Protein backbone atom coordinates (compact mmCIF):
# COMPACT_ATOMS: atom_id res chain seq x y z
CA MET A 1 36.77 8.96 -7.83
CA SER A 2 38.35 12.01 -6.20
CA ASN A 3 39.43 13.37 -9.62
CA LYS A 4 35.91 12.88 -10.92
CA ILE A 5 34.50 14.71 -7.92
CA MET A 6 36.78 17.67 -8.55
CA GLU A 7 35.82 17.72 -12.23
CA TYR A 8 32.15 17.92 -11.31
CA SER A 9 32.73 20.46 -8.58
CA ASP A 10 34.78 22.75 -10.81
CA TYR A 11 32.13 22.47 -13.50
CA ILE A 12 29.41 23.38 -11.01
CA ILE A 13 31.22 26.46 -9.74
CA GLU A 14 32.10 27.67 -13.24
CA ASN A 15 28.50 27.35 -14.44
CA LYS A 16 26.59 28.76 -11.48
CA GLN A 17 24.97 31.41 -13.69
CA ASN A 18 23.69 28.85 -16.18
CA ASP A 19 20.41 27.01 -16.11
CA GLU A 20 20.85 24.53 -13.26
CA ARG A 21 19.14 21.79 -15.21
CA LYS A 22 21.95 21.74 -17.76
CA ILE A 23 24.59 21.11 -15.11
CA PHE A 24 23.57 17.48 -14.79
CA GLY A 25 22.34 16.83 -18.29
CA PHE A 26 18.78 18.18 -18.52
CA LYS A 27 19.60 19.31 -22.07
CA SER A 28 16.46 17.93 -23.71
CA GLY A 29 13.91 20.02 -21.85
CA GLY A 30 13.14 17.44 -19.17
CA LYS A 31 12.60 14.55 -21.59
CA LYS A 32 15.64 12.57 -20.56
CA GLN A 33 14.57 8.98 -19.88
CA HIS A 34 16.93 8.27 -17.01
CA TRP A 35 16.36 11.57 -15.27
CA PHE A 36 16.76 9.94 -11.83
CA LYS A 37 20.44 9.29 -12.53
CA ASP A 38 21.02 13.03 -12.21
CA PHE A 39 19.54 13.03 -8.72
CA GLU A 40 21.72 10.04 -7.86
CA ILE A 41 24.81 11.93 -8.99
CA ALA A 42 23.71 14.95 -6.96
CA SER A 43 23.26 12.74 -3.91
CA ILE A 44 26.67 11.11 -4.27
CA LEU A 45 28.38 14.46 -4.74
CA ARG A 46 26.64 15.99 -1.75
CA TYR A 47 27.97 13.30 0.57
CA ALA A 48 31.35 13.25 -1.15
CA TYR A 49 31.77 16.98 -0.56
CA GLU A 50 30.68 16.66 3.05
CA SER A 51 33.17 13.85 3.63
CA VAL A 52 36.09 16.05 2.59
CA GLY A 53 34.83 19.05 4.56
CA GLU A 54 33.84 21.12 1.52
CA VAL A 55 30.27 21.62 2.70
CA LYS A 56 29.81 25.32 2.04
CA LYS A 57 31.62 25.60 -1.26
CA TYR A 58 30.19 22.59 -3.09
CA ARG A 59 27.12 21.28 -1.30
CA ASP A 60 25.20 24.53 -1.72
CA SER A 61 25.59 24.30 -5.49
CA ILE A 62 24.30 20.74 -5.46
CA LEU A 63 21.30 21.67 -3.33
CA SER A 64 20.62 24.73 -5.48
CA PHE A 65 20.35 22.55 -8.59
CA TYR A 66 18.08 20.11 -6.79
CA HIS A 67 15.84 22.74 -5.18
CA ASN A 68 15.36 24.62 -8.43
CA SER A 69 14.33 21.40 -10.17
CA LEU A 70 11.79 20.34 -7.55
CA LEU A 71 10.38 23.71 -6.47
CA ARG A 72 8.84 24.08 -9.90
CA GLU A 73 7.17 20.64 -9.60
CA PHE A 74 9.31 18.24 -11.58
CA ALA A 75 7.35 15.93 -13.92
CA ILE A 76 8.74 12.53 -14.83
CA PRO A 77 8.94 12.24 -18.64
CA ASP A 78 5.74 10.80 -20.14
CA GLU A 79 7.36 8.02 -22.14
CA TYR A 80 9.30 6.64 -19.18
CA PHE A 81 6.39 6.98 -16.74
CA ASN A 82 3.92 5.31 -19.09
CA GLN A 83 6.26 2.39 -19.75
CA VAL A 84 6.65 1.71 -16.04
CA SER A 85 2.96 2.22 -15.28
CA GLU A 86 1.95 -0.31 -17.93
CA ILE A 87 4.12 -2.97 -16.31
CA PHE A 88 2.14 -2.78 -13.07
CA ASP A 89 -1.24 -1.74 -14.49
CA PRO A 90 -3.86 -4.22 -13.21
CA GLY A 91 -6.57 -2.86 -15.49
CA HIS A 92 -6.52 -5.89 -17.79
CA MET A 93 -7.52 -8.05 -14.83
CA PHE A 94 -10.47 -5.85 -13.91
CA GLN A 95 -12.34 -6.04 -17.20
CA GLU A 96 -15.71 -7.69 -16.76
CA LEU A 97 -14.93 -10.58 -19.12
CA GLN A 98 -11.70 -11.32 -17.30
CA LEU A 99 -13.52 -11.35 -13.97
CA LYS A 100 -15.91 -13.94 -15.38
CA ALA A 101 -13.09 -16.04 -16.79
CA TRP A 102 -10.75 -16.75 -13.92
CA LEU A 103 -12.09 -15.49 -10.60
CA PRO A 104 -14.55 -17.32 -8.35
CA PRO A 105 -18.12 -15.98 -8.12
CA PHE A 106 -18.67 -12.90 -5.96
CA SER A 107 -15.19 -11.52 -6.51
CA PHE A 108 -15.04 -7.78 -7.13
CA ALA A 109 -12.52 -5.16 -8.19
CA ILE A 110 -12.43 -1.42 -7.60
CA THR A 111 -10.27 0.95 -9.61
CA LEU A 112 -10.29 4.71 -9.27
CA THR A 113 -8.34 7.72 -10.43
CA PHE A 114 -7.77 10.40 -7.83
CA THR A 115 -6.13 13.80 -7.60
CA MET A 116 -4.36 15.10 -4.52
CA LYS A 117 -6.22 17.85 -2.64
CA LYS A 118 -3.36 18.12 -0.16
CA PRO A 119 0.30 17.20 -0.71
CA TYR A 120 1.37 13.62 -0.10
CA PHE A 121 4.35 13.01 2.19
CA SER A 122 6.22 9.72 2.61
CA ARG A 123 9.67 8.61 3.69
CA ASP A 124 12.06 6.55 1.61
CA ASP A 125 14.44 4.11 3.26
CA THR A 126 17.46 5.05 1.18
CA ASN A 127 20.55 6.20 3.05
CA LEU A 128 21.95 8.20 0.15
CA TYR A 129 19.98 11.13 -1.20
CA VAL A 130 20.49 14.79 -1.90
CA ILE A 131 18.14 15.81 0.95
CA ASP A 132 17.20 14.05 4.17
CA ASN A 133 13.46 13.62 3.48
CA PRO A 134 12.93 12.01 0.07
CA LEU A 135 9.69 10.50 -1.19
CA ARG A 136 9.45 6.74 -1.22
CA LYS A 137 10.32 5.49 -4.71
CA ASP A 138 10.27 2.17 -6.46
CA TRP A 139 13.68 0.56 -6.00
CA VAL A 140 14.13 -0.28 -9.67
CA TYR A 141 12.39 2.50 -11.59
CA LYS A 142 12.90 5.36 -9.10
CA ILE A 143 9.35 6.65 -9.52
CA PRO A 144 7.44 7.93 -6.45
CA TYR A 145 4.90 5.32 -5.48
CA ILE A 146 2.67 3.85 -2.80
CA ALA A 147 3.42 0.16 -2.30
CA PRO A 148 0.60 -2.42 -2.09
CA GLY A 149 1.46 -3.19 1.52
CA GLN A 150 1.27 0.50 2.36
CA TRP A 151 -2.22 0.75 0.87
CA LYS A 152 -3.30 -2.32 2.82
CA GLY A 153 -1.99 -0.99 6.12
CA THR A 154 -3.40 2.49 5.60
CA LEU A 155 -6.87 1.32 4.58
CA HIS A 156 -6.88 -1.14 7.49
CA ALA A 157 -5.98 1.65 9.92
CA ALA A 158 -8.66 3.92 8.45
CA MET A 159 -11.35 1.25 8.76
CA VAL A 160 -10.33 0.46 12.34
CA ARG A 161 -10.65 4.16 13.19
CA LEU A 162 -14.01 4.29 11.38
CA LEU A 163 -15.23 1.32 13.42
CA ALA A 164 -14.02 2.95 16.64
CA ASP A 165 -15.85 6.19 15.82
CA TRP A 166 -19.01 4.26 14.93
CA TRP A 167 -18.84 2.31 18.21
CA HIS A 168 -18.45 5.54 20.16
CA ASN A 169 -21.86 6.65 18.84
CA GLN A 170 -23.56 3.22 18.72
CA SER A 171 -22.20 1.44 21.79
CA ASP A 172 -25.41 -0.54 22.36
CA GLU A 173 -25.17 -2.51 19.09
CA GLU A 174 -22.79 -5.18 20.33
CA GLU A 175 -23.66 -7.80 17.70
CA LYS A 176 -23.06 -5.38 14.84
CA PHE A 177 -19.74 -4.36 16.39
CA LEU A 178 -18.66 -8.02 16.46
CA GLN A 179 -19.78 -8.53 12.86
CA ARG A 180 -17.81 -5.51 11.69
CA ARG A 181 -14.70 -6.72 13.53
CA LEU A 182 -15.02 -10.12 11.88
CA GLY A 183 -15.51 -8.31 8.58
CA LEU A 184 -12.10 -6.66 9.01
CA VAL A 185 -10.55 -10.10 9.53
CA ARG A 186 -12.17 -11.36 6.33
CA LEU A 187 -10.80 -8.39 4.43
CA PHE A 188 -7.31 -7.99 5.87
CA GLY A 189 -6.57 -11.20 7.74
CA ASN A 190 -5.67 -11.36 11.41
CA GLU A 191 -2.46 -9.95 12.81
CA GLN A 192 -1.62 -12.68 15.27
CA GLU A 193 -2.78 -15.98 16.68
CA VAL A 194 -6.25 -15.90 18.17
CA ASP A 195 -4.94 -16.04 21.73
CA GLY A 196 -1.89 -13.87 21.08
CA GLU A 197 -0.80 -11.33 23.68
CA GLU A 198 0.79 -8.69 21.46
CA LYS A 199 -0.35 -5.27 22.67
CA GLU A 200 0.57 -2.73 20.02
CA ASN A 201 -1.80 -3.59 17.17
CA PHE A 202 -5.31 -3.03 15.85
CA GLU A 203 -6.70 -6.05 17.68
CA SER A 204 -5.68 -4.79 21.10
CA PHE A 205 -6.99 -1.31 20.26
CA LEU A 206 -10.43 -2.70 19.37
CA ASP A 207 -10.33 -4.92 22.47
CA GLN A 208 -9.88 -1.82 24.60
CA ILE A 209 -12.66 0.23 23.07
CA GLY A 210 -15.12 -2.68 22.99
CA GLY A 211 -14.41 -3.91 26.49
CA LYS A 212 -13.31 -7.24 27.93
CA GLU A 213 -16.61 -9.08 27.43
CA LEU A 214 -16.84 -8.24 23.73
CA ALA A 215 -13.16 -9.12 23.29
CA ILE A 216 -13.85 -12.61 24.67
CA ARG A 217 -16.91 -13.06 22.45
CA TYR A 218 -14.94 -11.87 19.43
CA ARG A 219 -12.21 -14.45 19.98
CA GLU A 220 -14.74 -17.21 20.45
CA ARG A 221 -16.27 -16.30 17.09
CA LEU A 222 -12.84 -16.07 15.52
CA LYS A 223 -11.89 -19.56 16.68
CA GLN A 224 -14.93 -20.91 14.88
CA LEU A 225 -13.68 -19.35 11.63
CA LEU A 226 -9.98 -20.17 11.86
CA ASN A 227 -8.47 -23.64 11.95
CA ASP A 228 -4.85 -22.79 12.70
CA GLY A 229 -5.23 -19.33 14.24
CA HIS A 230 -4.29 -17.46 11.07
CA ARG A 231 -6.26 -16.10 8.17
CA ARG A 232 -5.23 -14.39 4.95
CA GLY A 233 -7.38 -11.45 3.94
CA ARG A 234 -9.54 -11.40 0.82
CA LEU A 235 -8.24 -8.01 -0.36
CA MET A 236 -5.25 -7.61 -2.65
CA PHE A 237 -3.74 -4.25 -3.53
CA TYR A 238 -1.69 -2.82 -6.38
CA PRO A 239 0.92 -0.04 -6.44
CA THR A 240 0.16 3.59 -7.23
CA PHE A 241 2.72 5.63 -9.18
CA PHE A 242 2.94 9.41 -9.31
CA GLN A 243 4.34 11.36 -12.24
CA LYS A 244 4.85 14.66 -10.43
CA MET A 245 7.20 15.52 -7.59
CA GLY A 246 7.60 18.76 -5.73
CA LEU A 247 9.44 20.25 -2.79
CA THR A 248 8.10 21.95 0.30
CA VAL A 249 9.78 23.62 3.23
CA ILE A 250 8.85 23.36 6.88
CA ASN A 251 10.56 25.95 9.05
CA PRO A 252 10.32 25.19 12.79
CA HIS A 253 10.11 28.30 14.96
CA ASP A 254 11.72 28.96 18.29
CA ARG A 255 9.00 29.15 20.95
CA GLU A 256 10.61 32.07 22.75
CA SER A 257 11.82 34.28 19.92
CA GLY A 258 9.31 33.19 17.28
CA ALA A 259 12.10 33.15 14.70
CA GLY A 260 12.65 30.30 12.29
CA THR A 261 15.43 27.92 13.24
CA GLN A 262 16.49 25.93 10.17
CA PRO A 263 14.36 25.12 7.10
CA ILE A 264 13.64 21.43 6.55
CA TYR A 265 13.08 20.31 2.97
CA PHE A 266 10.63 17.52 2.08
CA GLU A 267 9.98 15.90 -1.26
CA ILE A 268 6.25 15.66 -1.88
CA VAL A 269 3.64 14.65 -4.40
CA PRO A 270 2.09 18.09 -4.93
CA GLU A 271 -1.52 19.14 -4.79
CA GLY A 272 -3.23 18.43 -8.11
CA ALA A 273 -1.10 15.40 -8.98
CA SER A 274 -3.09 12.32 -9.97
CA GLY A 275 -2.73 8.61 -9.29
CA ASN A 276 -4.57 5.33 -9.79
CA PHE A 277 -5.76 3.07 -6.98
CA SER A 278 -6.76 -0.57 -7.50
CA LEU A 279 -7.84 -3.41 -5.26
CA LEU A 280 -9.15 -6.91 -5.87
CA TYR A 281 -11.44 -8.91 -3.57
CA VAL A 282 -11.43 -12.70 -3.87
CA PRO A 283 -13.50 -14.85 -1.46
CA PHE A 284 -11.10 -17.78 -1.89
CA ASP A 285 -12.11 -19.30 1.44
CA ARG A 286 -15.74 -19.62 0.27
CA ILE A 287 -15.04 -21.75 -2.80
CA GLY A 288 -17.32 -24.77 -2.60
CA GLY A 289 -19.48 -23.19 0.10
CA LYS A 290 -23.09 -22.08 -0.08
CA GLU A 291 -23.43 -19.28 -2.58
CA THR A 292 -26.15 -17.55 -0.59
CA GLU A 293 -23.73 -17.12 2.34
CA THR A 294 -20.92 -16.05 0.00
CA ALA A 295 -23.20 -13.45 -1.60
CA ARG A 296 -24.18 -12.08 1.80
CA GLU A 297 -20.55 -11.79 2.95
CA MET A 298 -19.48 -10.18 -0.33
CA ALA A 299 -22.21 -7.55 -0.03
CA GLU A 300 -21.25 -6.78 3.57
CA ASP A 301 -17.56 -6.62 2.69
CA LEU A 302 -18.16 -4.35 -0.30
CA SER A 303 -20.12 -1.92 1.87
CA LEU A 304 -17.30 -1.89 4.44
CA VAL A 305 -14.68 -1.30 1.75
CA ALA A 306 -16.68 1.50 0.09
CA GLU A 307 -17.14 3.27 3.42
CA GLY A 308 -13.48 2.74 4.25
CA LEU A 309 -12.24 4.15 0.94
CA LYS A 310 -14.40 7.24 1.28
CA TYR A 311 -13.08 7.85 4.79
CA LEU A 312 -9.48 7.14 3.78
CA PHE A 313 -9.37 9.54 0.83
CA THR A 314 -11.52 12.37 2.19
CA GLU A 315 -10.86 12.45 5.96
CA PHE A 316 -8.22 10.04 7.25
CA GLY A 317 -5.54 10.62 4.63
CA PHE A 318 -2.62 8.48 3.51
CA GLY A 319 1.12 8.88 3.82
CA ALA A 320 2.98 10.83 6.50
CA LYS A 321 1.75 13.92 8.36
CA THR A 322 -1.93 12.99 7.97
CA SER A 323 -2.62 14.43 11.42
CA SER A 324 -1.76 17.83 9.91
CA GLY A 325 -4.31 17.40 7.14
CA PHE A 326 -2.01 16.12 4.39
CA GLY A 327 -2.62 13.13 2.14
CA LEU A 328 -6.25 13.86 1.22
CA ALA A 329 -7.54 13.27 -2.31
CA GLU A 330 -10.58 13.62 -4.55
CA VAL A 331 -11.91 10.89 -6.83
CA LEU A 332 -12.13 11.80 -10.52
CA LYS A 333 -13.62 8.56 -11.81
CA GLY A 334 -13.77 4.90 -10.91
CA LYS A 335 -15.17 1.50 -11.78
CA LEU A 336 -16.67 -1.32 -9.74
CA ALA A 337 -16.65 -4.74 -11.40
CA VAL A 338 -18.33 -7.72 -9.72
CA LYS A 339 -18.36 -11.33 -10.87
CA LEU A 340 -21.85 -12.68 -10.33
CA PRO A 341 -23.21 -16.18 -11.02
CA SER A 342 -24.59 -16.51 -14.54
CA ALA A 343 -28.15 -16.68 -13.25
CA THR A 344 -27.87 -13.22 -11.71
CA GLN A 345 -26.46 -11.20 -14.61
CA SER A 346 -29.57 -9.02 -14.70
CA LEU A 347 -27.67 -6.87 -12.19
CA LYS A 348 -25.15 -5.03 -14.30
CA SER A 349 -21.49 -5.37 -13.32
CA GLY A 350 -18.61 -3.14 -14.33
CA ARG A 351 -20.36 0.14 -13.55
CA MET A 352 -18.63 3.51 -13.47
CA PHE A 353 -18.77 5.99 -10.61
CA GLU A 354 -17.62 9.59 -10.34
CA ASN A 355 -17.59 9.99 -6.56
CA PHE A 356 -17.83 7.94 -3.40
CA ALA A 357 -21.56 8.61 -3.06
CA GLU A 358 -22.13 6.71 -6.30
CA LEU A 359 -19.85 3.88 -5.16
CA LEU A 360 -21.75 3.59 -1.88
CA LYS A 361 -25.04 3.48 -3.80
CA GLN A 362 -23.75 0.67 -5.99
CA ALA A 363 -22.62 -1.19 -2.87
CA ASN A 364 -26.08 -0.78 -1.34
CA ASP A 365 -27.70 -2.03 -4.57
CA LEU A 366 -25.56 -5.16 -4.42
CA LYS A 367 -26.42 -5.61 -0.76
CA THR A 368 -30.13 -5.52 -1.59
CA PHE A 369 -29.56 -7.96 -4.44
CA ALA A 370 -27.64 -10.36 -2.19
CA GLU A 371 -30.37 -10.31 0.45
CA ASP A 372 -33.14 -10.93 -2.09
CA TRP A 373 -31.15 -13.60 -3.89
CA SER A 374 -30.31 -15.40 -0.64
CA GLU A 375 -33.94 -15.32 0.47
CA GLY A 376 -34.85 -16.90 -2.85
CA GLY A 377 -32.49 -19.79 -2.18
CA GLY A 378 -29.77 -18.80 -4.63
CA ARG A 379 -28.72 -21.69 -6.85
CA ASN A 380 -27.12 -25.08 -6.43
CA GLU A 381 -27.99 -25.18 -2.75
């Protein structure tokens, strides 16, 4: 290994004036399928050089290659990215006919394409990388992505914050506050047993802002819904992959002198990069129950989700450093598909939307439909 390191290091030093992409094999104009292997080599060499004390002589060349690649917004080759995206693409499940075929009534799916208005930061859990702040990437395919669990946690946090802000302005509507809390449990599940004492979670946060009396009433309602103290949420999420990566620099300044201390490099998904978001809602716990009640809950849940998505993408943000305004996005297009009982197909499903205002309107239309349909007795009651 040491001989191989020296071969690479000598090659780097001898070719410092050449195009840095060619040093590690970018000879096909960025179309190399396994482009990520070059970053892996750069990462290994960086740590290898540091381990033998050759930091200045060799590491700077490695970092120079890497910085030059990412500062110009590196794009993952189309062929490779499309192949990986198709593996995880849930679009075939969200077609209207598929929703009719295998999902229970009153399931819905939302898909949307968005573009970043502010850069997206995240943190990978790898211990070996060319810089200290890489983007989170899929373990197998090495493409920057947002995992399903990350989407679930982020949307949950955004909707909890949205509920807290609403309660701050509407603190006299106790019943609606309880209903919205129970709606979050339907969507995301509960974090702990009903009588759990864990403090650092969403439940304890909402207990604090609602007050002790509402916390007691909430748990009484929750016990009526849960048999064993646990509930799985109705929402399921899918990964989002990004084709573009970039690099940004944050330079902390000394408070006394005002001078920069040491630049810190972060991998990012740059402004203007696009991604696809998908979620699926399945009221599995309502199978066999009264359809009028299922319709009412679906309509309420869809309204909550639509409001939550708008807040998440336009105000709350996703990823790291959201408190600094990063991780905001704009919707380019989307689709809402709802599986309705055959007797209600006069309300068109699978409708497109171009912004969150249109999605919210569709959610309100379905809410009106559910109320009217329930008042009419539904079917098979």
